[in-house]
Amino acid sequence: MVEELLCDVRIISKLGVGVFTENLLKYDYHWFLAEVVSGRIEIGEPDKFNEFKYIQIENLRNYKLSPNMKKLLYEIENRKIKLW
């Protein structure tokens, strides 16, 4: 499966689904735990994003997060989603 970062991934498990609103638009989301199986991670939407970096979960609160990421972080911190 090729995902937004232009690499092949293997889905390990589905973590959750839901809807969030941003700028008066509703977005459906799906969270998956996955691993890169081939390819090099690259930005697939350069018109929207100019940087990619790995951030440890415990450091996410130090960044401006999208509504989707805020929701994911909440679920992880409250042990509603288990990553390992």
Protein backbone atom coordinates (compact mmCIF):
# COMPACT_ATOMS: atom_id res chain seq x y z
CA MET A 1 0.00 0.00 0.00
CA VAL A 2 1.48 3.38 -1.00
CA GLU A 3 0.55 6.14 1.39
CA GLU A 4 0.80 9.94 1.43
CA LEU A 5 4.54 9.95 2.06
CA LEU A 6 5.27 8.08 -1.19
CA CYS A 7 6.56 4.89 0.38
CA ASP A 8 5.16 1.38 0.67
CA VAL A 9 3.75 0.52 4.07
CA ARG A 10 2.37 -2.55 5.77
CA ILE A 11 -0.64 -1.98 8.01
CA ILE A 12 -0.05 -3.55 11.40
CA SER A 13 -3.38 -2.57 12.95
CA LYS A 14 -6.24 -0.11 12.70
CA LEU A 15 -6.14 2.34 15.62
CA GLY A 16 -9.34 4.33 15.14
CA VAL A 17 -11.70 6.32 12.95
CA GLY A 18 -13.65 9.52 13.36
CA VAL A 19 -14.48 12.98 12.09
CA PHE A 20 -12.97 16.37 12.84
CA THR A 21 -13.80 19.88 11.68
CA GLU A 22 -11.26 22.41 10.50
CA ASN A 23 -12.06 25.72 8.82
CA LEU A 24 -15.76 24.77 8.79
CA LEU A 25 -15.04 21.60 6.77
CA LYS A 26 -15.62 18.09 8.10
CA TYR A 27 -12.93 15.48 7.52
CA ASP A 28 -13.15 11.73 8.02
CA TYR A 29 -9.97 10.20 9.35
CA HIS A 30 -8.53 6.75 9.88
CA TRP A 31 -5.55 6.02 12.08
CA PHE A 32 -3.34 3.02 11.42
CA LEU A 33 -0.22 1.63 12.97
CA ALA A 34 2.04 0.84 10.04
CA GLU A 35 5.65 0.23 9.10
CA VAL A 36 7.58 1.31 6.03
CA VAL A 37 8.43 -1.75 3.94
CA SER A 38 10.10 -0.10 0.95
CA GLY A 39 10.88 3.25 -0.52
CA ARG A 40 12.11 6.46 0.97
CA ILE A 41 9.72 8.74 2.85
CA GLU A 42 9.09 11.89 0.84
CA ILE A 43 6.53 14.68 1.01
CA GLY A 44 3.74 13.68 -1.37
CA GLU A 45 1.93 17.03 -1.23
CA PRO A 46 4.61 19.74 -1.54
CA ASP A 47 1.93 22.36 -2.20
CA LYS A 48 0.65 21.77 1.37
CA PHE A 49 3.76 20.69 3.30
CA ASN A 50 7.37 21.84 3.24
CA GLU A 51 8.86 19.72 6.01
CA PHE A 52 8.72 16.20 7.41
CA LYS A 53 10.23 15.09 10.69
CA TYR A 54 9.88 12.32 13.22
CA ILE A 55 8.66 13.51 16.62
CA GLN A 56 8.50 11.36 19.71
CA ILE A 57 4.97 11.06 21.07
CA GLU A 58 5.93 12.60 24.41
CA ASN A 59 7.16 15.72 22.56
CA LEU A 60 4.07 16.28 20.38
CA ARG A 61 2.57 18.85 22.79
CA ASN A 62 5.51 21.15 21.95
CA TYR A 63 4.15 21.57 18.40
CA LYS A 64 1.11 23.18 16.84
CA LEU A 65 -1.10 20.18 16.05
CA SER A 66 -4.01 19.75 13.68
CA PRO A 67 -7.39 18.84 15.24
CA ASN A 68 -6.83 15.27 14.06
CA MET A 69 -3.43 15.02 15.74
CA LYS A 70 -4.76 16.60 18.96
CA LYS A 71 -7.44 13.92 19.03
CA LEU A 72 -4.92 11.14 18.38
CA LEU A 73 -2.61 12.41 21.12
CA TYR A 74 -5.53 12.58 23.55
CA GLU A 75 -6.50 8.99 22.74
CA ILE A 76 -2.91 7.78 23.24
CA GLU A 77 -2.38 9.70 26.49
CA ASN A 78 -5.65 8.41 27.91
CA ARG A 79 -4.80 4.85 26.89
CA LYS A 80 -7.75 4.52 24.56
CA ILE A 81 -5.26 3.66 21.83
CA LYS A 82 -2.28 1.41 22.50
CA LEU A 83 0.68 1.60 20.16
CA TRP A 84 2.73 -1.16 21.78
